[in-house]
Amino acid sequence: MQVTEKGQVTIPKRLRDAAGILPGSQVSFTLEGGKIIIQKTGMGTDDRRKALRAAAAKVRKSLDEPFRQMDSEDIMAFLRPGDDHA
């Protein structure tokens, strides 16, 4: 693997997938015994969307029937202040 003039490299897909590194994920770099360690430190946009969908599904199970049909976008629209759902 070659490093560009700007010090950039591409993390191979199989390693990104295994580490859960998605576009927008935050990573940190450390040096340990001459090895550069890349570690995921924060959630990317896709991670946050997955977490929101999972939370919405969990909440949806405890709601009355009309709310169970809502997806995460519908729930967020319902909860936003100023919407006409109240």
PDB file of N, CA and C in Angstrom:
ATOM      1  N   MET A   1       0.856  -1.164   0.000  1.00  0.00           N
ATOM      2  CA  MET A   1       0.000   0.000   0.000  1.00  0.00           C
ATOM      3  C   MET A   1       0.900   1.224   0.000  1.00  0.00           C
ATOM      4  N   GLN A   2       0.532   2.196  -0.812  1.00  0.00           N
ATOM      5  CA  GLN A   2       1.357   3.383  -0.962  1.00  0.00           C
ATOM      6  C   GLN A   2       0.729   4.571  -0.239  1.00  0.00           C
ATOM      7  N   VAL A   3       1.565   5.370   0.397  1.00  0.00           N
ATOM      8  CA  VAL A   3       1.136   6.582   1.077  1.00  0.00           C
ATOM      9  C   VAL A   3       1.237   7.739   0.094  1.00  0.00           C
ATOM     10  N   THR A   4       0.200   8.574  -0.002  1.00  0.00           N
ATOM     11  CA  THR A   4       0.214   9.716  -0.918  1.00  0.00           C
ATOM     12  C   THR A   4       1.099  10.831  -0.355  1.00  0.00           C
ATOM     13  N   GLU A   5       1.312  11.865  -1.159  1.00  0.00           N
ATOM     14  CA  GLU A   5       2.109  13.015  -0.714  1.00  0.00           C
ATOM     15  C   GLU A   5       1.497  13.671   0.520  1.00  0.00           C
ATOM     16  N   LYS A   6       0.196  13.591   0.649  1.00  0.00           N
ATOM     17  CA  LYS A   6      -0.497  14.185   1.799  1.00  0.00           C
ATOM     18  C   LYS A   6      -0.543  13.242   3.001  1.00  0.00           C
ATOM     19  N   GLY A   7       0.086  12.077   2.898  1.00  0.00           N
ATOM     20  CA  GLY A   7       0.096  11.123   4.001  1.00  0.00           C
ATOM     21  C   GLY A   7      -1.150  10.266   4.075  1.00  0.00           C
ATOM     22  N   GLN A   8      -1.899  10.179   2.987  1.00  0.00           N
ATOM     23  CA  GLN A   8      -3.151   9.428   2.981  1.00  0.00           C
ATOM     24  C   GLN A   8      -2.958   8.004   2.486  1.00  0.00           C
ATOM     25  N   VAL A   9      -3.737   7.098   3.070  1.00  0.00           N
ATOM     26  CA  VAL A   9      -3.823   5.713   2.608  1.00  0.00           C
ATOM     27  C   VAL A   9      -5.291   5.313   2.638  1.00  0.00           C
ATOM     28  N   THR A  10      -5.637   4.279   1.920  1.00  0.00           N
ATOM     29  CA  THR A  10      -6.994   3.746   1.954  1.00  0.00           C
ATOM     30  C   THR A  10      -7.012   2.529   2.863  1.00  0.00           C
ATOM     31  N   ILE A  11      -7.909   2.552   3.836  1.00  0.00           N
ATOM     32  CA  ILE A  11      -8.056   1.389   4.713  1.00  0.00           C
ATOM     33  C   ILE A  11      -8.815   0.334   3.909  1.00  0.00           C
ATOM     34  N   PRO A  12      -8.260  -0.863   3.766  1.00  0.00           N
ATOM     35  CA  PRO A  12      -8.941  -1.902   2.992  1.00  0.00           C
ATOM     36  C   PRO A  12     -10.359  -2.164   3.513  1.00  0.00           C
ATOM     37  N   LYS A  13     -11.278  -2.414   2.591  1.00  0.00           N
ATOM     38  CA  LYS A  13     -12.695  -2.601   2.929  1.00  0.00           C
ATOM     39  C   LYS A  13     -12.901  -3.680   3.976  1.00  0.00           C
ATOM     40  N   ARG A  14     -12.214  -4.798   3.852  1.00  0.00           N
ATOM     41  CA  ARG A  14     -12.421  -5.881   4.819  1.00  0.00           C
ATOM     42  C   ARG A  14     -12.049  -5.441   6.237  1.00  0.00           C
ATOM     43  N   LEU A  15     -11.041  -4.574   6.367  1.00  0.00           N
ATOM     44  CA  LEU A  15     -10.663  -4.076   7.687  1.00  0.00           C
ATOM     45  C   LEU A  15     -11.658  -3.028   8.183  1.00  0.00           C
ATOM     46  N   ARG A  16     -12.117  -2.141   7.285  1.00  0.00           N
ATOM     47  CA  ARG A  16     -13.138  -1.152   7.662  1.00  0.00           C
ATOM     48  C   ARG A  16     -14.397  -1.858   8.137  1.00  0.00           C
ATOM     49  N   ASP A  17     -14.821  -2.875   7.388  1.00  0.00           N
ATOM     50  CA  ASP A  17     -16.024  -3.620   7.757  1.00  0.00           C
ATOM     51  C   ASP A  17     -15.849  -4.299   9.111  1.00  0.00           C
ATOM     52  N   ALA A  18     -14.718  -4.942   9.308  1.00  0.00           N
ATOM     53  CA  ALA A  18     -14.461  -5.662  10.564  1.00  0.00           C
ATOM     54  C   ALA A  18     -14.427  -4.712  11.759  1.00  0.00           C
ATOM     55  N   ALA A  19     -13.931  -3.485  11.547  1.00  0.00           N
ATOM     56  CA  ALA A  19     -13.822  -2.509  12.638  1.00  0.00           C
ATOM     57  C   ALA A  19     -15.071  -1.653  12.772  1.00  0.00           C
ATOM     58  N   GLY A  20     -16.005  -1.793  11.842  1.00  0.00           N
ATOM     59  CA  GLY A  20     -17.216  -0.981  11.891  1.00  0.00           C
ATOM     60  C   GLY A  20     -16.972   0.464  11.524  1.00  0.00           C
ATOM     61  N   ILE A  21     -15.962   0.711  10.701  1.00  0.00           N
ATOM     62  CA  ILE A  21     -15.644   2.068  10.271  1.00  0.00           C
ATOM     63  C   ILE A  21     -16.428   2.371   9.000  1.00  0.00           C
ATOM     64  N   LEU A  22     -17.341   3.344   9.120  1.00  0.00           N
ATOM     65  CA  LEU A  22     -18.202   3.741   8.018  1.00  0.00           C
ATOM     66  C   LEU A  22     -17.835   5.154   7.587  1.00  0.00           C
ATOM     67  N   PRO A  23     -18.304   5.593   6.419  1.00  0.00           N
ATOM     68  CA  PRO A  23     -18.054   6.981   6.032  1.00  0.00           C
ATOM     69  C   PRO A  23     -18.535   7.933   7.124  1.00  0.00           C
ATOM     70  N   GLY A  24     -17.693   8.856   7.519  1.00  0.00           N
ATOM     71  CA  GLY A  24     -18.024   9.797   8.581  1.00  0.00           C
ATOM     72  C   GLY A  24     -17.608   9.345   9.967  1.00  0.00           C
ATOM     73  N   SER A  25     -17.164   8.087  10.117  1.00  0.00           N
ATOM     74  CA  SER A  25     -16.712   7.615  11.430  1.00  0.00           C
ATOM     75  C   SER A  25     -15.498   8.418  11.880  1.00  0.00           C
ATOM     76  N   GLN A  26     -15.401   8.601  13.181  1.00  0.00           N
ATOM     77  CA  GLN A  26     -14.243   9.259  13.776  1.00  0.00           C
ATOM     78  C   GLN A  26     -13.218   8.191  14.145  1.00  0.00           C
ATOM     79  N   VAL A  27     -11.943   8.455  13.873  1.00  0.00           N
ATOM     80  CA  VAL A  27     -10.876   7.528  14.230  1.00  0.00           C
ATOM     81  C   VAL A  27      -9.748   8.292  14.908  1.00  0.00           C
ATOM     82  N   SER A  28      -8.940   7.562  15.676  1.00  0.00           N
ATOM     83  CA  SER A  28      -7.747   8.151  16.283  1.00  0.00           C
ATOM     84  C   SER A  28      -6.542   7.308  15.895  1.00  0.00           C
ATOM     85  N   PHE A  29      -5.382   7.919  15.964  1.00  0.00           N
ATOM     86  CA  PHE A  29      -4.134   7.255  15.617  1.00  0.00           C
ATOM     87  C   PHE A  29      -3.207   7.300  16.829  1.00  0.00           C
ATOM     88  N   THR A  30      -2.575   6.172  17.135  1.00  0.00           N
ATOM     89  CA  THR A  30      -1.559   6.124  18.181  1.00  0.00           C
ATOM     90  C   THR A  30      -0.356   5.356  17.649  1.00  0.00           C
ATOM     91  N   LEU A  31       0.770   5.583  18.262  1.00  0.00           N
ATOM     92  CA  LEU A  31       2.001   4.894  17.885  1.00  0.00           C
ATOM     93  C   LEU A  31       2.401   3.990  19.034  1.00  0.00           C
ATOM     94  N   GLU A  32       2.505   2.693  18.764  1.00  0.00           N
ATOM     95  CA  GLU A  32       2.878   1.713  19.789  1.00  0.00           C
ATOM     96  C   GLU A  32       3.998   0.841  19.255  1.00  0.00           C
ATOM     97  N   GLY A  33       5.184   1.016  19.802  1.00  0.00           N
ATOM     98  CA  GLY A  33       6.323   0.194  19.409  1.00  0.00           C
ATOM     99  C   GLY A  33       6.606   0.221  17.916  1.00  0.00           C
ATOM    100  N   GLY A  34       6.504   1.366  17.296  1.00  0.00           N
ATOM    101  CA  GLY A  34       6.777   1.482  15.874  1.00  0.00           C
ATOM    102  C   GLY A  34       5.601   1.123  14.977  1.00  0.00           C
ATOM    103  N   LYS A  35       4.468   0.763  15.572  1.00  0.00           N
ATOM    104  CA  LYS A  35       3.265   0.441  14.800  1.00  0.00           C
ATOM    105  C   LYS A  35       2.254   1.571  14.958  1.00  0.00           C
ATOM    106  N   ILE A  36       1.608   1.938  13.861  1.00  0.00           N
ATOM    107  CA  ILE A  36       0.540   2.927  13.908  1.00  0.00           C
ATOM    108  C   ILE A  36      -0.774   2.176  14.106  1.00  0.00           C
ATOM    109  N   ILE A  37      -1.489   2.531  15.162  1.00  0.00           N
ATOM    110  CA  ILE A  37      -2.760   1.897  15.493  1.00  0.00           C
ATOM    111  C   ILE A  37      -3.881   2.879  15.157  1.00  0.00           C
ATOM    112  N   ILE A  38      -4.839   2.439  14.355  1.00  0.00           N
ATOM    113  CA  ILE A  38      -6.020   3.228  14.031  1.00  0.00           C
ATOM    114  C   ILE A  38      -7.178   2.631  14.813  1.00  0.00           C
ATOM    115  N   GLN A  39      -7.892   3.489  15.551  1.00  0.00           N
ATOM    116  CA  GLN A  39      -8.996   3.009  16.377  1.00  0.00           C
ATOM    117  C   GLN A  39     -10.221   3.870  16.136  1.00  0.00           C
ATOM    118  N   LYS A  40     -11.367   3.237  15.981  1.00  0.00           N
ATOM    119  CA  LYS A  40     -12.621   3.959  15.838  1.00  0.00           C
ATOM    120  C   LYS A  40     -12.940   4.611  17.177  1.00  0.00           C
ATOM    121  N   THR A  41     -13.243   5.913  17.147  1.00  0.00           N
ATOM    122  CA  THR A  41     -13.499   6.633  18.396  1.00  0.00           C
ATOM    123  C   THR A  41     -14.893   7.224  18.475  1.00  0.00           C
ATOM    124  N   GLY A  42     -15.582   7.328  17.364  1.00  0.00           N
ATOM    125  CA  GLY A  42     -16.904   7.935  17.382  1.00  0.00           C
ATOM    126  C   GLY A  42     -17.763   7.389  16.272  1.00  0.00           C
ATOM    127  N   MET A  43     -19.038   7.684  16.383  1.00  0.00           N
ATOM    128  CA  MET A  43     -19.983   7.188  15.390  1.00  0.00           C
ATOM    129  C   MET A  43     -20.046   8.109  14.192  1.00  0.00           C
ATOM    130  N   GLY A  44     -20.145   7.510  13.055  1.00  0.00           N
ATOM    131  CA  GLY A  44     -20.385   8.256  11.832  1.00  0.00           C
ATOM    132  C   GLY A  44     -21.872   8.424  11.630  1.00  0.00           C
ATOM    133  N   THR A  45     -22.222   9.095  10.579  1.00  0.00           N
ATOM    134  CA  THR A  45     -23.626   9.349  10.270  1.00  0.00           C
ATOM    135  C   THR A  45     -24.400   8.050  10.147  1.00  0.00           C
ATOM    136  N   ASP A  46     -23.851   7.073   9.441  1.00  0.00           N
ATOM    137  CA  ASP A  46     -24.549   5.798   9.267  1.00  0.00           C
ATOM    138  C   ASP A  46     -24.725   5.081  10.604  1.00  0.00           C
ATOM    139  N   ASP A  47     -23.708   5.181  11.476  1.00  0.00           N
ATOM    140  CA  ASP A  47     -23.804   4.568  12.804  1.00  0.00           C
ATOM    141  C   ASP A  47     -24.947   5.193  13.600  1.00  0.00           C
ATOM    142  N   ARG A  48     -25.031   6.529  13.554  1.00  0.00           N
ATOM    143  CA  ARG A  48     -26.084   7.216  14.298  1.00  0.00           C
ATOM    144  C   ARG A  48     -27.456   6.851  13.754  1.00  0.00           C
ATOM    145  N   ARG A  49     -27.564   6.727  12.442  1.00  0.00           N
ATOM    146  CA  ARG A  49     -28.853   6.344  11.848  1.00  0.00           C
ATOM    147  C   ARG A  49     -29.258   4.946  12.300  1.00  0.00           C
ATOM    148  N   LYS A  50     -28.301   4.018  12.323  1.00  0.00           N
ATOM    149  CA  LYS A  50     -28.604   2.656  12.781  1.00  0.00           C
ATOM    150  C   LYS A  50     -29.043   2.663  14.235  1.00  0.00           C
ATOM    151  N   ALA A  51     -28.356   3.455  15.063  1.00  0.00           N
ATOM    152  CA  ALA A  51     -28.704   3.535  16.478  1.00  0.00           C
ATOM    153  C   ALA A  51     -30.092   4.137  16.657  1.00  0.00           C
ATOM    154  N   LEU A  52     -30.411   5.165  15.872  1.00  0.00           N
ATOM    155  CA  LEU A  52     -31.726   5.788  15.949  1.00  0.00           C
ATOM    156  C   LEU A  52     -32.814   4.814  15.518  1.00  0.00           C
ATOM    157  N   ARG A  53     -32.562   4.084  14.434  1.00  0.00           N
ATOM    158  CA  ARG A  53     -33.559   3.114  13.974  1.00  0.00           C
ATOM    159  C   ARG A  53     -33.794   2.023  15.015  1.00  0.00           C
ATOM    160  N   ALA A  54     -32.717   1.568  15.655  1.00  0.00           N
ATOM    161  CA  ALA A  54     -32.849   0.532  16.680  1.00  0.00           C
ATOM    162  C   ALA A  54     -33.633   1.062  17.883  1.00  0.00           C
ATOM    163  N   ALA A  55     -33.345   2.294  18.294  1.00  0.00           N
ATOM    164  CA  ALA A  55     -34.064   2.884  19.423  1.00  0.00           C
ATOM    165  C   ALA A  55     -35.537   3.086  19.070  1.00  0.00           C
ATOM    166  N   ALA A  56     -35.792   3.550  17.849  1.00  0.00           N
ATOM    167  CA  ALA A  56     -37.172   3.763  17.411  1.00  0.00           C
ATOM    168  C   ALA A  56     -37.941   2.445  17.391  1.00  0.00           C
ATOM    169  N   ALA A  57     -37.297   1.381  16.937  1.00  0.00           N
ATOM    170  CA  ALA A  57     -37.955   0.068  16.902  1.00  0.00           C
ATOM    171  C   ALA A  57     -38.299  -0.398  18.315  1.00  0.00           C
ATOM    172  N   LYS A  58     -37.391  -0.146  19.252  1.00  0.00           N
ATOM    173  CA  LYS A  58     -37.628  -0.541  20.646  1.00  0.00           C
ATOM    174  C   LYS A  58     -38.806   0.243  21.231  1.00  0.00           C
ATOM    175  N   VAL A  59     -38.835   1.548  20.976  1.00  0.00           N
ATOM    176  CA  VAL A  59     -39.927   2.378  21.473  1.00  0.00           C
ATOM    177  C   VAL A  59     -41.237   1.990  20.803  1.00  0.00           C
ATOM    178  N   ARG A  60     -41.172   1.731  19.497  1.00  0.00           N
ATOM    179  CA  ARG A  60     -42.366   1.401  18.723  1.00  0.00           C
ATOM    180  C   ARG A  60     -43.092   0.190  19.312  1.00  0.00           C
ATOM    181  N   LYS A  61     -42.340  -0.765  19.834  1.00  0.00           N
ATOM    182  CA  LYS A  61     -42.939  -1.977  20.404  1.00  0.00           C
ATOM    183  C   LYS A  61     -43.810  -1.664  21.612  1.00  0.00           C
ATOM    184  N   SER A  62     -43.512  -0.562  22.315  1.00  0.00           N
ATOM    185  CA  SER A  62     -44.259  -0.237  23.528  1.00  0.00           C
ATOM    186  C   SER A  62     -45.402   0.746  23.277  1.00  0.00           C
ATOM    187  N   LEU A  63     -45.643   1.131  22.037  1.00  0.00           N
ATOM    188  CA  LEU A  63     -46.652   2.132  21.716  1.00  0.00           C
ATOM    189  C   LEU A  63     -47.956   1.504  21.243  1.00  0.00           C
ATOM    190  N   ASP A  64     -48.995   2.335  21.220  1.00  0.00           N
ATOM    191  CA  ASP A  64     -50.281   1.911  20.682  1.00  0.00           C
ATOM    192  C   ASP A  64     -50.150   1.596  19.197  1.00  0.00           C
ATOM    193  N   GLU A  65     -51.094   0.867  18.666  1.00  0.00           N
ATOM    194  CA  GLU A  65     -51.049   0.378  17.284  1.00  0.00           C
ATOM    195  C   GLU A  65     -50.738   1.447  16.228  1.00  0.00           C
ATOM    196  N   PRO A  66     -51.377   2.641  16.248  1.00  0.00           N
ATOM    197  CA  PRO A  66     -51.063   3.624  15.197  1.00  0.00           C
ATOM    198  C   PRO A  66     -49.583   4.014  15.156  1.00  0.00           C
ATOM    199  N   PHE A  67     -48.961   4.082  16.323  1.00  0.00           N
ATOM    200  CA  PHE A  67     -47.555   4.457  16.368  1.00  0.00           C
ATOM    201  C   PHE A  67     -46.630   3.327  15.919  1.00  0.00           C
ATOM    202  N   ARG A  68     -47.068   2.111  16.055  1.00  0.00           N
ATOM    203  CA  ARG A  68     -46.236   0.979  15.652  1.00  0.00           C
ATOM    204  C   ARG A  68     -45.973   0.967  14.156  1.00  0.00           C
ATOM    205  N   GLN A  69     -46.846   1.608  13.391  1.00  0.00           N
ATOM    206  CA  GLN A  69     -46.688   1.639  11.936  1.00  0.00           C
ATOM    207  C   GLN A  69     -45.706   2.719  11.480  1.00  0.00           C
ATOM    208  N   MET A  70     -45.317   3.627  12.387  1.00  0.00           N
ATOM    209  CA  MET A  70     -44.432   4.730  12.027  1.00  0.00           C
ATOM    210  C   MET A  70     -42.992   4.251  11.902  1.00  0.00           C
ATOM    211  N   ASP A  71     -42.261   4.819  10.925  1.00  0.00           N
ATOM    212  CA  ASP A  71     -40.834   4.543  10.847  1.00  0.00           C
ATOM    213  C   ASP A  71     -40.099   5.641  11.627  1.00  0.00           C
ATOM    214  N   SER A  72     -38.778   5.570  11.690  1.00  0.00           N
ATOM    215  CA  SER A  72     -38.010   6.521  12.499  1.00  0.00           C
ATOM    216  C   SER A  72     -38.216   7.956  12.029  1.00  0.00           C
ATOM    217  N   GLU A  73     -38.345   8.180  10.720  1.00  0.00           N
ATOM    218  CA  GLU A  73     -38.561   9.532  10.206  1.00  0.00           C
ATOM    219  C   GLU A  73     -39.920  10.076  10.667  1.00  0.00           C
ATOM    220  N   ASP A  74     -40.956   9.229  10.634  1.00  0.00           N
ATOM    221  CA  ASP A  74     -42.280   9.653  11.098  1.00  0.00           C
ATOM    222  C   ASP A  74     -42.253  10.003  12.586  1.00  0.00           C
ATOM    223  N   ILE A  75     -41.571   9.199  13.369  1.00  0.00           N
ATOM    224  CA  ILE A  75     -41.476   9.447  14.812  1.00  0.00           C
ATOM    225  C   ILE A  75     -40.745  10.757  15.068  1.00  0.00           C
ATOM    226  N   MET A  76     -39.633  10.988  14.363  1.00  0.00           N
ATOM    227  CA  MET A  76     -38.887  12.235  14.550  1.00  0.00           C
ATOM    228  C   MET A  76     -39.736  13.436  14.149  1.00  0.00           C
ATOM    229  N   ALA A  77     -40.491  13.325  13.059  1.00  0.00           N
ATOM    230  CA  ALA A  77     -41.371  14.415  12.635  1.00  0.00           C
ATOM    231  C   ALA A  77     -42.440  14.669  13.699  1.00  0.00           C
ATOM    232  N   PHE A  78     -42.959  13.613  14.288  1.00  0.00           N
ATOM    233  CA  PHE A  78     -43.981  13.733  15.331  1.00  0.00           C
ATOM    234  C   PHE A  78     -43.423  14.446  16.563  1.00  0.00           C
ATOM    235  N   LEU A  79     -42.173  14.170  16.894  1.00  0.00           N
ATOM    236  CA  LEU A  79     -41.567  14.722  18.105  1.00  0.00           C
ATOM    237  C   LEU A  79     -41.019  16.134  17.931  1.00  0.00           C
ATOM    238  N   ARG A  80     -40.798  16.578  16.702  1.00  0.00           N
ATOM    239  CA  ARG A  80     -40.219  17.905  16.470  1.00  0.00           C
ATOM    240  C   ARG A  80     -41.182  19.008  16.910  1.00  0.00           C
ATOM    241  N   PRO A  81     -40.647  19.989  17.635  1.00  0.00           N
ATOM    242  CA  PRO A  81     -41.499  21.110  18.043  1.00  0.00           C
ATOM    243  C   PRO A  81     -41.998  21.882  16.817  1.00  0.00           C
ATOM    244  N   GLY A  82     -43.210  22.389  16.918  1.00  0.00           N
ATOM    245  CA  GLY A  82     -43.744  23.203  15.835  1.00  0.00           C
ATOM    246  C   GLY A  82     -44.467  22.420  14.773  1.00  0.00           C
ATOM    247  N   ASP A  83     -44.417  21.099  14.828  1.00  0.00           N
ATOM    248  CA  ASP A  83     -45.151  20.296  13.861  1.00  0.00           C
ATOM    249  C   ASP A  83     -46.638  20.300  14.225  1.00  0.00           C
ATOM    250  N   ASP A  84     -47.480  20.016  13.284  1.00  0.00           N
ATOM    251  CA  ASP A  84     -48.924  20.050  13.485  1.00  0.00           C
ATOM    252  C   ASP A  84     -49.496  18.743  14.010  1.00  0.00           C
ATOM    253  N   HIS A  85     -48.664  17.891  14.629  1.00  0.00           N
ATOM    254  CA  HIS A  85     -49.135  16.581  15.086  1.00  0.00           C
ATOM    255  C   HIS A  85     -49.784  16.632  16.467  1.00  0.00           C
ATOM    256  N   ALA A  86     -49.571  17.731  17.193  1.00  0.00           N
ATOM    257  CA  ALA A  86     -50.054  17.805  18.585  1.00  0.00           C
ATOM    258  C   ALA A  86     -51.547  18.002  18.660  1.00  0.00           C
TER     259      ALA A  86
END
